[in-house]
Amino acid sequence: GRRWCSRPVGGCEIFPDEHADMSSRALHLCMLALLGVAADVLTLDGGNFTVALRANPRLLLLFYAPWCVHSRSLEPEFVKAADLLPDVVLAKVDASMEVEVAEEFGIGAYPGVFLVQKHKYEEFSGRRTAVAIAEWTRGKVGPALEVVSSVDKLQAALVKRGVLSAVVASGSDTLQKAIGRVAERHRALGIFLFMPDGTDSVKLYRGLNEVLTFEVQAQNPEDLDAELLGFVQRERLPLFGEISEENFYHYETSGLNGLLWVLFANSTGQPCLAGQCSTQAAHHSASLREVAESFGTKVVYTDAATHKEFLAEELGVRQFPALVVQKGPLGPARELEKYVLQLDNANVNADTITAWLEKVLPRPASPEREGL
């Protein structure tokens, strides 16, 4: 199917742990001079590739082919991303000519974008725009755990979390170390924040003002790490929240038995823009959380105007507002049973949604019925 979102992949060892004698910045400038490059994106080949890896603690690579139309579309966006990432060196490799270099990264199709750091690489597969590339990269190269010194700074960080969940811990050094270990190993799960003051506390912020509290019980580090990770993995998806390229992977790999899309429209029946979608989502949030709990599923909305093409091709929605149910279990590359209901703005309410869901998505069995 059509890829809409970023899917994190595992890291792979690609070169030995060697250190350059020259500083990263000095060697980077030297390479630019040798190559006669004035731009922010290096051009690498088999002769200077290893030097570039050793010279830079982190390197964002574009593997392309000059004849490939998708490569030609991505390249200017990649160059724009360089302006948004002043602390990351960007470079491009003509994979059609540098076959051995491309094979190291398992390039099977063009183009490909990889972040190399700490002697490992990770592939980007999100939207091919400068902003999406830059946001994904920032999430990978910054500190895994952000320490905030005041409530005001904490609130500012929570505002910036966007569609991702945020884990906020406060209290002891032991808890800070534990949440730091989880954050470093599982960056893709969300935003991790720590405030040193107060008693030990862990809260998870998700969706539209959903807050869950984790009870710290374990004493030894291994058990505490495992409990924290389990809590975040279980609870990171809100009952009702926005879905975008930043968190689509979390839903896609959740194994959920169903996913309900509520696709809002503006007053003229056109797909809503970001601000319009958020306003309507906030208005309906309480009732849609109840729907999610009642049917044992998750409910999502999106910036329908921005993702209009995806919604048409993947979900079959060309008129708005609309409801879509994807019946699971959800998983990468799975073909899901799908149901679509066209609405008008007056019918976007819990009663209409519940009545339709009763027909297409069975409610989970209650404990009482399971015991009969």
Protein backbone atom coordinates (compact mmCIF):
# COMPACT_ATOMS: atom_id res chain seq x y z
CA GLY A 1 0.00 0.00 0.00
CA ARG A 2 0.89 3.65 -0.21
CA ARG A 3 3.34 4.65 2.55
CA TRP A 4 2.24 7.65 4.54
CA CYS A 5 4.41 7.52 7.58
CA SER A 6 7.78 6.92 9.07
CA ARG A 7 8.60 3.41 10.17
CA PRO A 8 11.62 3.06 12.47
CA VAL A 9 13.91 0.11 11.75
CA GLY A 10 16.61 -1.55 13.79
CA GLY A 11 20.20 -0.40 13.86
CA CYS A 12 22.91 -2.33 12.03
CA GLU A 13 26.68 -2.37 12.57
CA ILE A 14 28.37 -0.95 9.50
CA PHE A 15 31.94 0.03 10.30
CA PRO A 16 34.52 -0.58 13.01
CA ASP A 17 34.93 1.67 16.02
CA GLU A 18 37.69 3.95 14.78
CA HIS A 19 38.35 7.57 15.64
CA ALA A 20 39.62 10.30 13.41
CA ASP A 21 42.72 12.29 14.38
CA MET A 22 41.20 15.51 13.09
CA SER A 23 38.20 17.21 14.66
CA SER A 24 34.85 16.56 12.99
CA ARG A 25 34.37 20.18 11.97
CA ALA A 26 37.90 20.61 10.64
CA LEU A 27 37.77 17.46 8.56
CA HIS A 28 34.32 18.37 7.27
CA LEU A 29 35.63 21.73 6.05
CA CYS A 30 38.67 20.05 4.55
CA MET A 31 36.48 17.66 2.61
CA LEU A 32 34.35 20.52 1.33
CA ALA A 33 37.46 22.29 0.07
CA LEU A 34 38.82 19.15 -1.58
CA LEU A 35 35.51 18.48 -3.28
CA GLY A 36 35.00 22.08 -4.31
CA VAL A 37 31.59 22.02 -2.61
CA ALA A 38 30.07 25.22 -1.29
CA ALA A 39 26.64 23.77 -0.54
CA ASP A 40 25.44 22.23 2.73
CA VAL A 41 25.19 18.71 1.30
CA LEU A 42 28.36 16.71 0.68
CA THR A 43 28.71 14.48 -2.37
CA LEU A 44 30.27 11.17 -1.42
CA ASP A 45 31.65 8.23 -3.37
CA GLY A 46 33.69 5.11 -2.68
CA GLY A 47 36.84 7.17 -2.25
CA ASN A 48 35.70 9.52 0.52
CA PHE A 49 32.77 7.65 2.07
CA THR A 50 34.69 6.01 4.93
CA VAL A 51 36.48 9.27 5.73
CA ALA A 52 33.14 11.06 6.00
CA LEU A 53 31.79 8.40 8.37
CA ARG A 54 34.79 8.68 10.65
CA ALA A 55 34.79 12.48 10.54
CA ASN A 56 31.19 13.03 11.59
CA PRO A 57 29.53 11.78 14.78
CA ARG A 58 26.26 11.79 12.87
CA LEU A 59 25.63 11.78 9.15
CA LEU A 60 22.36 11.91 7.23
CA LEU A 61 22.72 10.12 3.90
CA LEU A 62 20.65 10.26 0.74
CA PHE A 63 21.12 7.35 -1.66
CA TYR A 64 19.71 8.31 -5.05
CA ALA A 65 19.82 7.54 -8.76
CA PRO A 66 19.92 10.50 -11.20
CA TRP A 67 17.45 8.84 -13.58
CA CYS A 68 14.88 8.06 -10.86
CA VAL A 69 11.93 10.47 -10.76
CA HIS A 70 11.41 9.88 -7.03
CA SER A 71 15.07 10.71 -6.40
CA ARG A 72 14.76 13.92 -8.38
CA SER A 73 11.71 14.91 -6.31
CA LEU A 74 13.38 14.17 -3.00
CA GLU A 75 16.78 15.76 -3.65
CA PRO A 76 15.68 19.44 -3.36
CA GLU A 77 13.78 18.61 -0.16
CA PHE A 78 16.89 16.94 1.21
CA VAL A 79 18.91 20.09 0.46
CA LYS A 80 16.30 22.22 2.25
CA ALA A 81 16.52 19.88 5.25
CA ALA A 82 20.20 20.83 5.58
CA ASP A 83 19.17 24.38 6.51
CA LEU A 84 16.92 22.98 9.24
CA LEU A 85 19.62 20.72 10.69
CA PRO A 86 22.66 22.88 11.48
CA ASP A 87 24.16 20.27 13.82
CA VAL A 88 23.93 17.35 11.38
CA VAL A 89 26.07 16.83 8.28
CA LEU A 90 24.05 15.80 5.22
CA ALA A 91 25.53 13.92 2.28
CA LYS A 92 24.33 12.23 -0.89
CA VAL A 93 25.55 9.15 -2.73
CA ASP A 94 24.76 8.19 -6.31
CA ALA A 95 23.77 4.60 -5.52
CA SER A 96 23.56 3.67 -9.20
CA MET A 97 27.31 4.29 -9.49
CA GLU A 98 28.54 3.53 -5.96
CA VAL A 99 27.13 0.01 -5.87
CA GLU A 100 29.37 -1.35 -3.12
CA VAL A 101 28.52 1.53 -0.78
CA ALA A 102 24.81 1.09 -1.50
CA GLU A 103 25.02 -2.63 -0.82
CA GLU A 104 26.36 -1.94 2.69
CA PHE A 105 23.02 -0.32 3.45
CA GLY A 106 20.92 -2.90 1.65
CA ILE A 107 19.58 -0.39 -0.88
CA GLY A 108 16.95 -2.22 -2.92
CA ALA A 109 15.10 0.78 -4.33
CA TYR A 110 15.74 4.49 -4.83
CA PRO A 111 15.80 6.83 -3.04
CA GLY A 112 16.79 5.97 0.53
CA VAL A 113 17.60 8.20 3.51
CA PHE A 114 19.67 6.88 6.42
CA LEU A 115 20.88 8.43 9.66
CA VAL A 116 24.28 7.12 10.77
CA GLN A 117 25.41 7.66 14.35
CA LYS A 118 27.15 5.67 17.08
CA HIS A 119 28.38 3.27 14.38
CA LYS A 120 24.83 2.21 13.48
CA TYR A 121 22.34 3.27 10.87
CA GLU A 122 18.59 3.77 10.84
CA GLU A 123 16.35 4.27 7.83
CA PHE A 124 13.87 7.08 7.34
CA SER A 125 10.66 6.14 5.54
CA GLY A 126 8.37 9.06 6.28
CA ARG A 127 6.95 11.78 4.07
CA ARG A 128 9.57 13.03 1.64
CA THR A 129 9.57 16.66 2.71
CA ALA A 130 12.29 18.78 4.29
CA VAL A 131 10.26 19.36 7.44
CA ALA A 132 9.44 15.68 7.94
CA ILE A 133 13.08 14.67 7.41
CA ALA A 134 14.31 17.35 9.81
CA GLU A 135 11.76 16.52 12.54
CA TRP A 136 12.55 12.80 12.36
CA THR A 137 16.29 13.48 12.52
CA ARG A 138 15.99 15.84 15.49
CA GLY A 139 14.12 13.13 17.37
CA LYS A 140 17.03 10.76 16.79
CA VAL A 141 20.03 12.98 17.52
CA GLY A 142 18.94 14.99 20.57
CA PRO A 143 19.13 13.75 24.15
CA ALA A 144 16.73 10.85 24.70
CA LEU A 145 15.66 12.27 28.08
CA GLU A 146 15.10 16.00 28.47
CA VAL A 147 15.58 17.33 32.01
CA VAL A 148 13.35 20.31 32.81
CA SER A 149 13.90 22.56 35.81
CA SER A 150 10.46 24.08 36.34
CA VAL A 151 6.75 23.50 35.83
CA ASP A 152 6.66 26.26 33.21
CA LYS A 153 9.39 24.57 31.18
CA LEU A 154 7.61 21.24 31.54
CA GLN A 155 4.38 22.72 30.20
CA ALA A 156 6.25 24.29 27.28
CA ALA A 157 7.80 20.91 26.42
CA LEU A 158 4.40 19.20 26.60
CA VAL A 159 2.92 21.74 24.19
CA LYS A 160 5.63 20.84 21.65
CA ARG A 161 5.02 17.06 21.83
CA GLY A 162 2.53 17.23 18.94
CA VAL A 163 0.85 13.89 18.24
CA LEU A 164 3.37 11.88 20.26
CA SER A 165 2.85 10.66 23.79
CA ALA A 166 5.03 12.15 26.53
CA VAL A 167 6.36 10.30 29.57
CA VAL A 168 7.00 12.68 32.46
CA ALA A 169 8.92 11.42 35.48
CA SER A 170 9.95 13.33 38.59
CA GLY A 171 11.73 12.52 41.82
CA SER A 172 14.85 10.53 42.64
CA ASP A 173 18.11 9.93 40.82
CA THR A 174 17.21 6.22 40.66
CA LEU A 175 14.02 6.98 38.73
CA GLN A 176 15.85 9.46 36.47
CA LYS A 177 18.41 6.80 35.55
CA ALA A 178 15.69 4.23 34.89
CA ILE A 179 13.59 6.49 32.67
CA GLY A 180 16.79 7.59 30.93
CA ARG A 181 17.68 3.99 30.06
CA VAL A 182 14.19 3.33 28.70
CA ALA A 183 14.27 6.57 26.70
CA GLU A 184 17.68 5.83 25.17
CA ARG A 185 16.65 2.34 24.05
CA HIS A 186 13.14 3.21 22.90
CA ARG A 187 13.19 6.76 21.54
CA ALA A 188 10.48 5.98 18.99
CA LEU A 189 7.87 5.44 21.70
CA GLY A 190 7.48 9.16 22.38
CA ILE A 191 8.91 12.12 24.30
CA PHE A 192 10.66 11.51 27.62
CA LEU A 193 10.92 14.29 30.25
CA PHE A 194 12.26 14.41 33.81
CA MET A 195 11.91 17.00 36.57
CA PRO A 196 14.26 16.44 39.56
CA ASP A 197 11.95 17.83 42.28
CA GLY A 198 9.32 16.02 44.33
CA THR A 199 8.55 12.41 45.16
CA ASP A 200 8.82 9.64 42.59
CA SER A 201 6.08 9.99 39.99
CA VAL A 202 5.55 8.91 36.38
CA LYS A 203 2.75 10.21 34.19
CA LEU A 204 1.96 9.62 30.53
CA TYR A 205 0.37 12.41 28.48
CA ARG A 206 -1.35 11.32 25.29
CA GLY A 207 -3.95 12.46 22.78
CA LEU A 208 -6.19 15.34 23.75
CA ASN A 209 -5.56 15.87 27.46
CA GLU A 210 -5.47 12.20 28.47
CA VAL A 211 -3.17 11.69 31.47
CA LEU A 212 -2.33 8.31 33.04
CA THR A 213 -0.33 7.67 36.21
CA PHE A 214 2.18 4.85 36.67
CA GLU A 215 2.63 3.47 40.17
CA VAL A 216 6.34 2.95 40.86
CA GLN A 217 6.73 -0.36 42.71
CA ALA A 218 9.90 -2.15 41.61
CA GLN A 219 13.06 -1.63 43.65
CA ASN A 220 15.83 -3.14 41.55
CA PRO A 221 16.83 -1.44 38.26
CA GLU A 222 15.99 -4.32 35.91
CA ASP A 223 12.44 -4.70 37.21
CA LEU A 224 11.90 -0.94 37.23
CA ASP A 225 13.07 -0.64 33.62
CA ALA A 226 10.79 -3.49 32.56
CA GLU A 227 7.76 -2.04 34.37
CA LEU A 228 8.30 1.42 32.91
CA LEU A 229 8.74 0.07 29.39
CA GLY A 230 5.67 -2.14 29.67
CA PHE A 231 3.56 0.78 30.88
CA VAL A 232 4.64 3.04 27.99
CA GLN A 233 4.18 0.32 25.36
CA ARG A 234 0.69 -0.56 26.62
CA GLU A 235 -0.58 2.97 27.06
CA ARG A 236 1.13 5.17 24.46
CA LEU A 237 -1.88 5.24 22.11
CA PRO A 238 -4.71 7.54 23.27
CA LEU A 239 -8.35 6.53 23.23
CA PHE A 240 -8.87 9.43 20.83
CA GLY A 241 -6.12 11.41 19.17
CA GLU A 242 -4.56 12.74 16.01
CA ILE A 243 -2.80 10.41 13.60
CA SER A 244 -0.04 11.61 11.27
CA GLU A 245 3.21 10.43 9.73
CA GLU A 246 4.89 10.87 13.14
CA ASN A 247 2.83 8.23 14.96
CA PHE A 248 1.23 6.15 12.19
CA TYR A 249 3.79 3.40 12.79
CA HIS A 250 2.61 3.02 16.38
CA TYR A 251 -0.94 2.32 15.22
CA GLU A 252 0.16 0.17 12.29
CA THR A 253 2.12 -2.17 14.56
CA SER A 254 -0.27 -2.09 17.54
CA GLY A 255 -2.14 -5.32 16.80
CA LEU A 256 -5.42 -3.53 17.56
CA ASN A 257 -8.56 -5.38 16.52
CA GLY A 258 -9.96 -2.25 14.95
CA LEU A 259 -9.33 1.41 14.25
CA LEU A 260 -12.00 4.06 13.78
CA TRP A 261 -11.17 7.12 11.68
CA VAL A 262 -13.35 10.22 12.16
CA LEU A 263 -12.66 12.49 9.20
CA PHE A 264 -13.97 15.99 9.79
CA ALA A 265 -15.09 18.56 7.20
CA ASN A 266 -15.38 22.33 7.23
CA SER A 267 -18.72 24.12 6.92
CA THR A 268 -18.74 23.74 3.12
CA GLY A 269 -18.14 19.99 3.13
CA GLN A 270 -14.47 20.19 2.20
CA PRO A 271 -11.85 18.22 4.17
CA CYS A 272 -10.84 20.12 7.28
CA LEU A 273 -7.51 21.92 7.63
CA ALA A 274 -5.27 21.42 10.67
CA GLY A 275 -6.81 24.10 12.91
CA GLN A 276 -10.35 23.23 11.89
CA CYS A 277 -9.72 19.54 12.56
CA SER A 278 -8.28 20.24 16.00
CA THR A 279 -11.23 22.44 16.97
CA GLN A 280 -13.77 19.78 16.00
CA ALA A 281 -11.72 17.05 17.63
CA ALA A 282 -11.65 18.97 20.92
CA HIS A 283 -15.41 19.51 20.71
CA HIS A 284 -16.08 15.77 20.26
CA SER A 285 -13.24 14.40 22.38
CA ALA A 286 -15.22 13.33 25.45
CA SER A 287 -17.86 11.42 23.49
CA LEU A 288 -15.31 9.81 21.17
CA ARG A 289 -13.25 8.58 24.12
CA GLU A 290 -16.41 6.91 25.42
CA VAL A 291 -16.92 5.28 22.01
CA ALA A 292 -13.35 3.98 22.04
CA GLU A 293 -13.75 2.50 25.53
CA SER A 294 -17.11 0.95 24.70
CA PHE A 295 -15.86 -0.83 21.58
CA GLY A 296 -12.37 -1.64 22.84
CA THR A 297 -10.70 0.25 20.01
CA LYS A 298 -8.89 3.51 19.27
CA VAL A 299 -10.40 6.50 17.51
CA VAL A 300 -8.29 8.83 15.36
CA TYR A 301 -8.64 11.99 13.33
CA THR A 302 -6.22 13.67 10.94
CA ASP A 303 -5.54 16.81 8.95
CA ALA A 304 -7.84 15.68 6.17
CA ALA A 305 -6.93 18.45 3.72
CA THR A 306 -3.19 17.74 3.94
CA HIS A 307 -3.67 13.97 3.66
CA LYS A 308 -6.51 14.05 1.15
CA GLU A 309 -4.66 11.89 -1.38
CA PHE A 310 -3.81 9.22 1.20
CA LEU A 311 -7.39 9.13 2.49
CA ALA A 312 -8.73 8.66 -1.03
CA GLU A 313 -6.27 5.98 -2.12
CA GLU A 314 -5.91 4.01 1.11
CA LEU A 315 -9.26 4.47 2.83
CA GLY A 316 -11.51 5.18 -0.14
CA VAL A 317 -12.79 8.49 1.25
CA ARG A 318 -13.40 11.32 -1.20
CA GLN A 319 -16.35 13.04 0.50
CA PHE A 320 -16.29 14.58 3.95
CA PRO A 321 -17.15 14.19 6.77
CA ALA A 322 -16.86 10.42 6.95
CA LEU A 323 -16.23 7.47 9.24
CA VAL A 324 -13.91 4.60 8.40
CA VAL A 325 -13.45 1.37 10.33
CA GLN A 326 -10.42 -0.79 9.66
CA LYS A 327 -10.93 -4.23 11.20
CA GLY A 328 -7.76 -5.77 12.58
CA PRO A 329 -5.64 -7.14 13.84
CA LEU A 330 -3.57 -4.22 12.62
CA GLY A 331 -0.07 -4.94 11.35
CA PRO A 332 2.42 -3.80 8.69
CA ALA A 333 1.40 -4.68 5.12
CA ARG A 334 -1.79 -6.44 6.26
CA GLU A 335 -4.87 -6.15 4.10
CA LEU A 336 -7.61 -4.94 6.45
CA GLU A 337 -11.35 -5.27 6.11
CA LYS A 338 -12.72 -1.76 5.72
CA TYR A 339 -16.09 -0.02 6.13
CA VAL A 340 -16.90 3.59 5.14
CA LEU A 341 -19.87 5.76 6.11
CA GLN A 342 -20.45 9.17 4.54
CA LEU A 343 -21.95 11.77 6.88
CA ASP A 344 -22.93 15.39 7.03
CA ASN A 345 -21.71 17.74 9.74
CA ALA A 346 -24.97 17.46 11.67
CA ASN A 347 -24.54 13.69 12.06
CA VAL A 348 -21.02 13.68 13.49
CA ASN A 349 -22.06 12.68 16.98
CA ALA A 350 -21.70 9.77 19.39
CA ASP A 351 -25.20 8.39 18.74
CA THR A 352 -24.70 8.13 14.96
CA ILE A 353 -21.22 6.67 15.35
CA THR A 354 -22.31 4.12 17.98
CA ALA A 355 -25.32 2.96 15.95
CA TRP A 356 -23.12 2.36 12.90
CA LEU A 357 -20.33 0.67 14.83
CA GLU A 358 -22.83 -1.80 16.29
CA LYS A 359 -23.24 -3.12 12.74
CA VAL A 360 -19.60 -3.32 11.66
CA LEU A 361 -17.40 -3.69 14.75
CA PRO A 362 -18.45 -6.11 17.50
CA ARG A 363 -18.05 -4.89 21.04
CA PRO A 364 -15.56 -6.85 23.14
CA ALA A 365 -17.15 -9.52 25.33
CA SER A 366 -17.78 -8.38 28.89
CA PRO A 367 -16.22 -10.38 31.77
CA GLU A 368 -19.71 -11.44 32.84
CA ARG A 369 -20.51 -12.96 29.44
CA GLU A 370 -17.11 -14.63 29.17
CA GLY A 371 -17.85 -16.42 32.45
CA LEU A 372 -21.17 -17.86 31.28
